[in-house]
Amino acid sequence: MALNSFSTGKDCQVVVLGPFGRVDLDHVTGFESRQMTAAIRVDRMDGTMLGAELPKGWEGAFDLERGSSAADDMLAQIEQSYLAGTTPAAGTLYQYIDEVDGSTSTYQFSTVVFKLASSGLYKGDASVKQRLEFFATSRSRVS
């Protein structure tokens, strides 16, 4: 339950269902998503401007402190499947947001593909930061 009159990062949980099953990502430190659109603008001869934003999917990313091989393993499986000549199935993401009124909003990202944008920098006593990016064809409210 949200403790403020606004949402914070602690109010969000994300579940990843990769092409080969659920992926439990340890130490997620950030999650972002953004809608992609194709802009259409019409400049009528009478000077009136019209516009539309056509939905073109969603993209986003997870920031991780590497606590397990989960992200590496998922992408290795996807890559091996591709190299073996098969097309891996797309995944699904679920985002759960604890709202300030005590309710929970659930959003489903469909037909998700993943990219390990950074597998991490291994250096001395520093933690290993990873970045997992995704593209989804759509996002819908489940509850």
N, C-alpha and C. Protein backbone atom coordinates (compact mmCIF):
# COMPACT_ATOMS: atom_id res chain seq x y z
N MET A 1 0.84 -1.19 0.00
CA MET A 1 0.00 0.00 0.00
C MET A 1 0.88 1.24 0.00
N ALA A 2 0.53 2.21 -0.80
CA ALA A 2 1.29 3.44 -0.88
C ALA A 2 1.19 4.20 0.44
N LEU A 3 2.30 4.79 0.86
CA LEU A 3 2.33 5.51 2.13
C LEU A 3 2.27 7.01 1.93
N ASN A 4 2.15 7.47 0.70
CA ASN A 4 2.13 8.89 0.38
C ASN A 4 0.90 9.19 -0.45
N SER A 5 0.79 10.46 -0.83
CA SER A 5 -0.29 10.85 -1.75
C SER A 5 0.19 10.78 -3.19
N PHE A 6 1.34 10.12 -3.41
CA PHE A 6 1.88 9.93 -4.75
C PHE A 6 2.63 8.60 -4.78
N SER A 7 2.88 8.10 -5.97
CA SER A 7 3.56 6.81 -6.12
C SER A 7 5.07 6.97 -5.98
N THR A 8 5.70 5.95 -5.39
CA THR A 8 7.16 5.88 -5.33
C THR A 8 7.59 4.55 -5.96
N GLY A 9 8.88 4.38 -6.12
CA GLY A 9 9.40 3.15 -6.73
C GLY A 9 9.02 1.90 -5.98
N LYS A 10 8.86 2.00 -4.67
CA LYS A 10 8.51 0.83 -3.86
C LYS A 10 7.10 0.34 -4.13
N ASP A 11 6.29 1.18 -4.78
CA ASP A 11 4.90 0.82 -5.06
C ASP A 11 4.76 -0.07 -6.30
N CYS A 12 5.86 -0.38 -6.97
CA CYS A 12 5.83 -1.12 -8.24
C CYS A 12 6.53 -2.46 -8.11
N GLN A 13 5.90 -3.49 -8.65
CA GLN A 13 6.52 -4.81 -8.79
C GLN A 13 6.30 -5.27 -10.23
N VAL A 14 7.29 -5.98 -10.77
CA VAL A 14 7.18 -6.45 -12.14
C VAL A 14 7.51 -7.94 -12.18
N VAL A 15 6.68 -8.70 -12.91
CA VAL A 15 6.89 -10.13 -13.09
C VAL A 15 7.23 -10.37 -14.56
N VAL A 16 8.32 -11.09 -14.79
CA VAL A 16 8.79 -11.38 -16.14
C VAL A 16 8.49 -12.83 -16.49
N LEU A 17 7.73 -13.03 -17.56
CA LEU A 17 7.52 -14.36 -18.12
C LEU A 17 8.25 -14.37 -19.46
N GLY A 18 9.43 -14.96 -19.46
CA GLY A 18 10.23 -15.02 -20.67
C GLY A 18 9.73 -16.11 -21.59
N PRO A 19 10.37 -16.29 -22.73
CA PRO A 19 9.94 -17.31 -23.69
C PRO A 19 10.04 -18.73 -23.15
N PHE A 20 10.81 -18.92 -22.07
CA PHE A 20 11.00 -20.26 -21.51
C PHE A 20 10.47 -20.37 -20.09
N GLY A 21 9.62 -19.42 -19.67
CA GLY A 21 9.03 -19.47 -18.34
C GLY A 21 9.35 -18.24 -17.51
N ARG A 22 8.93 -18.30 -16.25
CA ARG A 22 9.12 -17.17 -15.33
C ARG A 22 10.61 -16.94 -15.07
N VAL A 23 10.98 -15.66 -15.02
CA VAL A 23 12.36 -15.26 -14.76
C VAL A 23 12.36 -14.41 -13.50
N ASP A 24 12.98 -14.90 -12.45
CA ASP A 24 13.06 -14.16 -11.19
C ASP A 24 14.33 -13.32 -11.18
N LEU A 25 14.17 -12.03 -11.38
CA LEU A 25 15.30 -11.11 -11.40
C LEU A 25 15.59 -10.63 -9.98
N ASP A 26 16.81 -10.87 -9.52
CA ASP A 26 17.20 -10.41 -8.19
C ASP A 26 17.62 -8.94 -8.25
N HIS A 27 17.33 -8.22 -7.21
CA HIS A 27 17.84 -6.85 -7.01
C HIS A 27 17.49 -5.90 -8.15
N VAL A 28 16.22 -5.82 -8.49
CA VAL A 28 15.77 -4.83 -9.48
C VAL A 28 15.84 -3.46 -8.80
N THR A 29 16.59 -2.54 -9.37
CA THR A 29 16.74 -1.22 -8.77
C THR A 29 15.98 -0.14 -9.54
N GLY A 30 15.48 -0.48 -10.72
CA GLY A 30 14.72 0.49 -11.49
C GLY A 30 13.93 -0.19 -12.60
N PHE A 31 12.80 0.40 -12.94
CA PHE A 31 11.97 -0.08 -14.05
C PHE A 31 11.36 1.14 -14.70
N GLU A 32 11.43 1.19 -16.02
CA GLU A 32 10.76 2.26 -16.74
C GLU A 32 10.11 1.70 -17.99
N SER A 33 9.02 2.33 -18.39
CA SER A 33 8.37 1.96 -19.65
C SER A 33 7.85 3.23 -20.29
N ARG A 34 7.77 3.20 -21.60
CA ARG A 34 7.25 4.37 -22.31
C ARG A 34 6.54 3.91 -23.58
N GLN A 35 5.47 4.61 -23.88
CA GLN A 35 4.70 4.30 -25.08
C GLN A 35 5.41 4.86 -26.31
N MET A 36 5.39 4.08 -27.35
CA MET A 36 5.93 4.54 -28.63
C MET A 36 4.74 4.84 -29.54
N THR A 37 4.84 5.94 -30.27
CA THR A 37 3.76 6.33 -31.17
C THR A 37 4.34 6.85 -32.48
N ALA A 38 3.49 6.87 -33.48
CA ALA A 38 3.82 7.53 -34.75
C ALA A 38 2.94 8.77 -34.82
N ALA A 39 3.60 9.91 -34.91
CA ALA A 39 2.86 11.17 -34.92
C ALA A 39 2.34 11.48 -36.32
N ILE A 40 1.09 11.90 -36.37
CA ILE A 40 0.49 12.37 -37.63
C ILE A 40 0.01 13.79 -37.38
N ARG A 41 0.43 14.69 -38.24
CA ARG A 41 0.03 16.09 -38.12
C ARG A 41 -0.57 16.53 -39.45
N VAL A 42 -1.70 17.21 -39.37
CA VAL A 42 -2.39 17.73 -40.55
C VAL A 42 -2.52 19.23 -40.39
N ASP A 43 -2.07 19.96 -41.38
CA ASP A 43 -2.17 21.42 -41.40
C ASP A 43 -3.17 21.78 -42.49
N ARG A 44 -4.42 21.95 -42.05
CA ARG A 44 -5.47 22.24 -43.03
C ARG A 44 -5.26 23.60 -43.68
N MET A 45 -5.82 23.76 -44.84
CA MET A 45 -5.66 25.02 -45.57
C MET A 45 -6.30 26.19 -44.84
N ASP A 46 -7.29 25.91 -43.96
CA ASP A 46 -7.91 27.00 -43.21
C ASP A 46 -7.12 27.36 -41.95
N GLY A 47 -5.93 26.74 -41.77
CA GLY A 47 -5.08 27.06 -40.64
C GLY A 47 -5.29 26.18 -39.42
N THR A 48 -6.31 25.34 -39.45
CA THR A 48 -6.57 24.45 -38.32
C THR A 48 -5.56 23.31 -38.32
N MET A 49 -5.01 23.07 -37.15
CA MET A 49 -4.06 21.95 -37.00
C MET A 49 -4.80 20.76 -36.40
N LEU A 50 -4.54 19.59 -36.95
CA LEU A 50 -5.09 18.35 -36.42
C LEU A 50 -3.92 17.42 -36.12
N GLY A 51 -4.12 16.55 -35.16
CA GLY A 51 -3.04 15.63 -34.83
C GLY A 51 -3.56 14.31 -34.32
N ALA A 52 -2.72 13.32 -34.44
CA ALA A 52 -3.02 11.99 -33.90
C ALA A 52 -1.70 11.34 -33.50
N GLU A 53 -1.76 10.48 -32.51
CA GLU A 53 -0.61 9.67 -32.10
C GLU A 53 -1.04 8.21 -32.22
N LEU A 54 -0.49 7.51 -33.19
CA LEU A 54 -0.85 6.11 -33.43
C LEU A 54 0.02 5.21 -32.56
N PRO A 55 -0.59 4.32 -31.77
CA PRO A 55 0.19 3.44 -30.90
C PRO A 55 1.11 2.52 -31.71
N LYS A 56 2.37 2.46 -31.31
CA LYS A 56 3.37 1.62 -31.97
C LYS A 56 4.14 0.77 -30.96
N GLY A 57 3.48 0.40 -29.88
CA GLY A 57 4.11 -0.48 -28.90
C GLY A 57 4.66 0.27 -27.70
N TRP A 58 5.36 -0.49 -26.87
CA TRP A 58 5.97 0.03 -25.64
C TRP A 58 7.40 -0.45 -25.57
N GLU A 59 8.26 0.36 -25.00
CA GLU A 59 9.62 -0.07 -24.74
C GLU A 59 10.00 0.35 -23.33
N GLY A 60 11.03 -0.28 -22.82
CA GLY A 60 11.44 0.06 -21.47
C GLY A 60 12.67 -0.72 -21.06
N ALA A 61 12.95 -0.66 -19.76
CA ALA A 61 14.17 -1.29 -19.26
C ALA A 61 14.07 -1.59 -17.77
N PHE A 62 14.84 -2.57 -17.38
CA PHE A 62 15.06 -2.91 -15.97
C PHE A 62 16.51 -2.56 -15.65
N ASP A 63 16.74 -1.91 -14.53
CA ASP A 63 18.09 -1.75 -14.00
C ASP A 63 18.25 -2.78 -12.90
N LEU A 64 19.34 -3.53 -12.95
CA LEU A 64 19.56 -4.64 -12.01
C LEU A 64 20.92 -4.53 -11.35
N GLU A 65 21.00 -4.95 -10.10
CA GLU A 65 22.27 -5.28 -9.47
C GLU A 65 22.33 -6.80 -9.59
N ARG A 66 23.32 -7.33 -10.28
CA ARG A 66 23.37 -8.76 -10.57
C ARG A 66 23.43 -9.57 -9.28
N GLY A 67 22.38 -10.34 -9.03
CA GLY A 67 22.31 -11.20 -7.86
C GLY A 67 22.22 -12.66 -8.22
N SER A 68 22.03 -12.92 -9.51
CA SER A 68 21.96 -14.29 -10.01
C SER A 68 22.22 -14.25 -11.51
N SER A 69 22.23 -15.41 -12.12
CA SER A 69 22.46 -15.49 -13.57
C SER A 69 21.15 -15.43 -14.36
N ALA A 70 20.04 -15.06 -13.72
CA ALA A 70 18.72 -15.15 -14.36
C ALA A 70 18.64 -14.38 -15.69
N ALA A 71 19.06 -13.13 -15.71
CA ALA A 71 18.98 -12.34 -16.95
C ALA A 71 19.93 -12.92 -18.00
N ASP A 72 21.16 -13.25 -17.59
CA ASP A 72 22.13 -13.84 -18.52
C ASP A 72 21.60 -15.15 -19.10
N ASP A 73 21.03 -15.98 -18.24
CA ASP A 73 20.53 -17.29 -18.68
C ASP A 73 19.37 -17.15 -19.66
N MET A 74 18.43 -16.22 -19.38
CA MET A 74 17.29 -16.03 -20.27
C MET A 74 17.77 -15.62 -21.66
N LEU A 75 18.69 -14.65 -21.72
CA LEU A 75 19.17 -14.19 -23.02
C LEU A 75 20.02 -15.25 -23.70
N ALA A 76 20.77 -16.05 -22.95
CA ALA A 76 21.54 -17.14 -23.56
C ALA A 76 20.61 -18.17 -24.19
N GLN A 77 19.49 -18.48 -23.50
CA GLN A 77 18.52 -19.42 -24.06
C GLN A 77 17.89 -18.87 -25.34
N ILE A 78 17.55 -17.58 -25.32
CA ILE A 78 16.96 -16.96 -26.51
C ILE A 78 17.95 -17.00 -27.67
N GLU A 79 19.20 -16.66 -27.40
CA GLU A 79 20.23 -16.66 -28.44
C GLU A 79 20.47 -18.07 -28.99
N GLN A 80 20.57 -19.05 -28.11
CA GLN A 80 20.80 -20.43 -28.56
C GLN A 80 19.63 -20.94 -29.39
N SER A 81 18.43 -20.58 -28.99
CA SER A 81 17.25 -20.98 -29.76
C SER A 81 17.31 -20.39 -31.18
N TYR A 82 17.66 -19.12 -31.25
CA TYR A 82 17.78 -18.46 -32.56
C TYR A 82 18.86 -19.12 -33.41
N LEU A 83 20.02 -19.37 -32.81
CA LEU A 83 21.14 -19.97 -33.55
C LEU A 83 20.85 -21.40 -33.98
N ALA A 84 19.95 -22.07 -33.26
CA ALA A 84 19.55 -23.43 -33.63
C ALA A 84 18.47 -23.44 -34.71
N GLY A 85 18.08 -22.25 -35.16
CA GLY A 85 17.12 -22.17 -36.25
C GLY A 85 15.67 -22.13 -35.83
N THR A 86 15.40 -21.96 -34.55
CA THR A 86 14.02 -21.84 -34.09
C THR A 86 13.76 -20.42 -33.62
N THR A 87 12.54 -20.02 -33.73
CA THR A 87 12.16 -18.69 -33.27
C THR A 87 11.59 -18.80 -31.86
N PRO A 88 12.25 -18.21 -30.88
CA PRO A 88 11.72 -18.30 -29.52
C PRO A 88 10.41 -17.53 -29.40
N ALA A 89 9.54 -18.02 -28.58
CA ALA A 89 8.27 -17.33 -28.34
C ALA A 89 8.55 -16.00 -27.64
N ALA A 90 7.64 -15.07 -27.79
CA ALA A 90 7.76 -13.80 -27.09
C ALA A 90 7.35 -14.00 -25.63
N GLY A 91 7.72 -13.06 -24.80
CA GLY A 91 7.38 -13.13 -23.38
C GLY A 91 6.24 -12.21 -23.02
N THR A 92 5.98 -12.11 -21.73
CA THR A 92 4.94 -11.25 -21.18
C THR A 92 5.48 -10.61 -19.90
N LEU A 93 5.13 -9.35 -19.67
CA LEU A 93 5.46 -8.68 -18.42
C LEU A 93 4.18 -8.27 -17.73
N TYR A 94 4.18 -8.36 -16.41
CA TYR A 94 3.08 -7.85 -15.60
C TYR A 94 3.64 -6.81 -14.65
N GLN A 95 3.02 -5.64 -14.63
CA GLN A 95 3.42 -4.58 -13.71
C GLN A 95 2.29 -4.36 -12.71
N TYR A 96 2.63 -4.44 -11.43
CA TYR A 96 1.67 -4.24 -10.35
C TYR A 96 2.04 -2.95 -9.63
N ILE A 97 1.08 -2.04 -9.52
CA ILE A 97 1.32 -0.76 -8.86
C ILE A 97 0.35 -0.62 -7.70
N ASP A 98 0.89 -0.47 -6.48
CA ASP A 98 0.06 -0.19 -5.31
C ASP A 98 -0.32 1.28 -5.35
N GLU A 99 -1.61 1.54 -5.51
CA GLU A 99 -2.10 2.91 -5.64
C GLU A 99 -2.28 3.55 -4.27
N VAL A 100 -2.36 4.88 -4.25
CA VAL A 100 -2.46 5.60 -2.98
C VAL A 100 -3.79 5.34 -2.27
N ASP A 101 -4.81 4.91 -3.01
CA ASP A 101 -6.11 4.62 -2.39
C ASP A 101 -6.19 3.19 -1.84
N GLY A 102 -5.08 2.44 -1.90
CA GLY A 102 -5.05 1.07 -1.39
C GLY A 102 -5.32 0.01 -2.44
N SER A 103 -5.77 0.39 -3.62
CA SER A 103 -6.03 -0.57 -4.69
C SER A 103 -4.72 -0.92 -5.40
N THR A 104 -4.78 -1.93 -6.25
CA THR A 104 -3.62 -2.32 -7.06
C THR A 104 -4.00 -2.28 -8.53
N SER A 105 -3.21 -1.57 -9.31
CA SER A 105 -3.39 -1.54 -10.77
C SER A 105 -2.45 -2.57 -11.38
N THR A 106 -2.96 -3.35 -12.32
CA THR A 106 -2.16 -4.37 -12.99
C THR A 106 -2.17 -4.10 -14.49
N TYR A 107 -0.97 -4.05 -15.07
CA TYR A 107 -0.82 -3.84 -16.50
C TYR A 107 -0.07 -5.01 -17.11
N GLN A 108 -0.52 -5.45 -18.29
CA GLN A 108 0.14 -6.55 -19.00
C GLN A 108 0.79 -6.01 -20.26
N PHE A 109 2.08 -6.27 -20.40
CA PHE A 109 2.82 -5.96 -21.63
C PHE A 109 2.86 -7.25 -22.44
N SER A 110 2.35 -7.21 -23.66
CA SER A 110 2.21 -8.42 -24.48
C SER A 110 3.24 -8.49 -25.60
N THR A 111 3.51 -9.72 -26.02
CA THR A 111 4.44 -10.02 -27.11
C THR A 111 5.77 -9.27 -26.89
N VAL A 112 6.41 -9.60 -25.78
CA VAL A 112 7.62 -8.90 -25.34
C VAL A 112 8.87 -9.60 -25.85
N VAL A 113 9.80 -8.82 -26.39
CA VAL A 113 11.13 -9.32 -26.75
C VAL A 113 12.16 -8.57 -25.89
N PHE A 114 13.26 -9.25 -25.60
CA PHE A 114 14.23 -8.73 -24.63
C PHE A 114 15.60 -8.55 -25.26
N LYS A 115 16.36 -7.63 -24.68
CA LYS A 115 17.76 -7.40 -25.06
C LYS A 115 18.54 -7.08 -23.79
N LEU A 116 19.65 -7.78 -23.58
CA LEU A 116 20.51 -7.48 -22.44
C LEU A 116 21.46 -6.36 -22.89
N ALA A 117 21.04 -5.12 -22.64
CA ALA A 117 21.80 -3.96 -23.10
C ALA A 117 23.15 -3.86 -22.42
N SER A 118 23.22 -4.31 -21.17
CA SER A 118 24.51 -4.38 -20.47
C SER A 118 24.51 -5.61 -19.58
N SER A 119 25.44 -6.50 -19.85
CA SER A 119 25.59 -7.69 -19.03
C SER A 119 26.38 -7.38 -17.76
N GLY A 120 26.97 -6.20 -17.70
CA GLY A 120 27.64 -5.76 -16.48
C GLY A 120 29.12 -5.52 -16.65
N LEU A 121 29.64 -4.67 -15.78
CA LEU A 121 31.06 -4.39 -15.70
C LEU A 121 31.56 -5.01 -14.40
N TYR A 122 32.48 -5.93 -14.52
CA TYR A 122 33.05 -6.61 -13.36
C TYR A 122 34.33 -5.88 -12.98
N LYS A 123 34.32 -5.27 -11.78
CA LYS A 123 35.44 -4.42 -11.41
C LYS A 123 35.61 -4.39 -9.89
N GLY A 124 36.72 -4.91 -9.42
CA GLY A 124 37.10 -4.81 -8.01
C GLY A 124 35.98 -5.13 -7.04
N ASP A 125 35.78 -4.24 -6.09
CA ASP A 125 34.77 -4.43 -5.05
C ASP A 125 33.42 -3.82 -5.41
N ALA A 126 33.21 -3.44 -6.65
CA ALA A 126 31.96 -2.80 -7.07
C ALA A 126 30.91 -3.85 -7.43
N SER A 127 29.65 -3.47 -7.21
CA SER A 127 28.57 -4.36 -7.64
C SER A 127 28.49 -4.35 -9.17
N VAL A 128 27.87 -5.38 -9.72
CA VAL A 128 27.74 -5.52 -11.17
C VAL A 128 26.35 -5.05 -11.57
N LYS A 129 26.29 -3.96 -12.31
CA LYS A 129 25.02 -3.40 -12.75
C LYS A 129 24.71 -3.94 -14.14
N GLN A 130 23.45 -4.37 -14.32
CA GLN A 130 22.99 -4.86 -15.61
C GLN A 130 21.80 -4.03 -16.06
N ARG A 131 21.55 -4.05 -17.36
CA ARG A 131 20.37 -3.36 -17.92
C ARG A 131 19.71 -4.30 -18.92
N LEU A 132 18.45 -4.61 -18.65
CA LEU A 132 17.64 -5.48 -19.51
C LEU A 132 16.58 -4.61 -20.17
N GLU A 133 16.64 -4.49 -21.48
CA GLU A 133 15.68 -3.68 -22.22
C GLU A 133 14.64 -4.57 -22.89
N PHE A 134 13.47 -3.99 -23.18
CA PHE A 134 12.40 -4.77 -23.80
C PHE A 134 11.60 -3.93 -24.77
N PHE A 135 10.91 -4.62 -25.66
CA PHE A 135 9.90 -4.02 -26.53
C PHE A 135 8.66 -4.89 -26.43
N ALA A 136 7.50 -4.27 -26.29
CA ALA A 136 6.22 -4.98 -26.23
C ALA A 136 5.29 -4.39 -27.29
N THR A 137 4.48 -5.24 -27.89
CA THR A 137 3.57 -4.73 -28.92
C THR A 137 2.43 -3.92 -28.33
N SER A 138 2.06 -4.22 -27.07
CA SER A 138 0.96 -3.47 -26.46
C SER A 138 1.03 -3.57 -24.94
N ARG A 139 0.32 -2.67 -24.29
CA ARG A 139 0.14 -2.71 -22.84
C ARG A 139 -1.34 -2.54 -22.57
N SER A 140 -1.89 -3.39 -21.73
CA SER A 140 -3.31 -3.28 -21.40
C SER A 140 -3.50 -3.38 -19.90
N ARG A 141 -4.55 -2.75 -19.42
CA ARG A 141 -4.88 -2.83 -18.00
C ARG A 141 -5.62 -4.14 -17.76
N VAL A 142 -5.14 -4.91 -16.78
CA VAL A 142 -5.76 -6.18 -16.44
C VAL A 142 -6.74 -5.97 -15.29
N SER A 143 -6.33 -5.21 -14.30
CA SER A 143 -7.24 -4.90 -13.17
C SER A 143 -6.85 -3.59 -12.55
